[in-house]
């Protein structure tokens, strides 16, 4: 189960481009072999790298769960 708030995909890079939900989901899919905790950590790293030195404009929540 992968859940994310809109702040996770509405992040913008220094050029003003939005990551977008498709970009976030595509990157999340590459992390499927990791544990849920590692997936979340890697996704947050990816989001912050995408944003560069821009602050996040909205709250950013990500939940990954396996059952």
Protein backbone atom coordinates (compact mmCIF):
# COMPACT_ATOMS: atom_id res chain seq x y z
CA UNK A 1 0.00 0.00 0.00
CA UNK A 2 1.46 3.35 -1.03
CA UNK A 3 -0.13 6.58 0.19
CA UNK A 4 1.17 10.11 -0.24
CA UNK A 5 -0.21 13.58 0.38
CA UNK A 6 -0.36 16.06 -2.48
CA UNK A 7 2.65 17.88 -1.05
CA UNK A 8 4.77 14.88 -2.04
CA UNK A 9 4.10 15.27 -5.77
CA UNK A 10 3.37 18.99 -6.00
CA UNK A 11 6.96 19.80 -5.08
CA UNK A 12 8.74 22.03 -7.60
CA UNK A 13 12.36 22.07 -8.67
CA UNK A 14 14.42 25.29 -8.97
CA UNK A 15 13.18 25.71 -12.58
CA UNK A 16 9.57 25.64 -11.34
CA UNK A 17 8.73 22.23 -12.78
CA UNK A 18 6.42 20.05 -10.67
CA UNK A 19 7.44 16.46 -9.86
CA UNK A 20 3.88 15.25 -10.46
CA UNK A 21 2.10 12.16 -9.27
CA UNK A 22 3.35 10.09 -12.21
CA UNK A 23 6.95 10.99 -11.40
CA UNK A 24 6.52 10.08 -7.75
CA UNK A 25 4.80 6.78 -8.52
CA UNK A 26 7.43 5.89 -11.13
CA UNK A 27 10.22 6.44 -8.62
CA UNK A 28 8.32 4.57 -5.89
CA UNK A 29 8.04 1.58 -8.24
CA UNK A 30 11.84 1.42 -8.55
CA UNK A 31 12.07 1.06 -4.75
CA UNK A 32 9.67 -1.90 -4.40
CA UNK A 33 12.40 -4.31 -3.31
CA UNK A 34 13.27 -2.18 -0.26
CA UNK A 35 11.63 -2.41 3.14
CA UNK A 36 8.75 0.05 3.70
CA UNK A 37 10.90 2.17 6.03
CA UNK A 38 13.71 2.34 3.46
CA UNK A 39 11.21 3.13 0.69
CA UNK A 40 9.86 6.11 2.64
CA UNK A 41 13.38 7.36 3.43
CA UNK A 42 14.42 7.06 -0.22
CA UNK A 43 11.26 8.80 -1.44
CA UNK A 44 11.82 11.74 0.91
CA UNK A 45 15.44 11.96 -0.28
CA UNK A 46 14.24 11.93 -3.89
CA UNK A 47 11.70 14.68 -3.22
CA UNK A 48 14.27 16.89 -1.48
CA UNK A 49 16.83 16.29 -4.25
CA UNK A 50 14.20 17.21 -6.85
CA UNK A 51 13.36 20.41 -4.96
CA UNK A 52 17.01 21.41 -4.71
CA UNK A 53 17.29 24.43 -2.45
CA UNK A 54 13.58 25.28 -2.73
CA UNK A 55 11.57 24.71 0.43
CA UNK A 56 8.59 22.34 0.26
CA UNK A 57 5.46 24.44 -0.17
CA UNK A 58 3.05 21.98 1.49
CA UNK A 59 3.07 19.21 4.04
CA UNK A 60 4.58 16.00 2.72
CA UNK A 61 3.34 12.66 4.02
CA UNK A 62 4.26 9.23 2.68
CA UNK A 63 3.08 5.86 4.00
CA UNK A 64 4.22 2.48 2.70
CA UNK A 65 2.75 -0.65 4.22
CA UNK A 66 2.91 -4.33 3.42
CA UNK A 67 0.49 -6.85 4.80
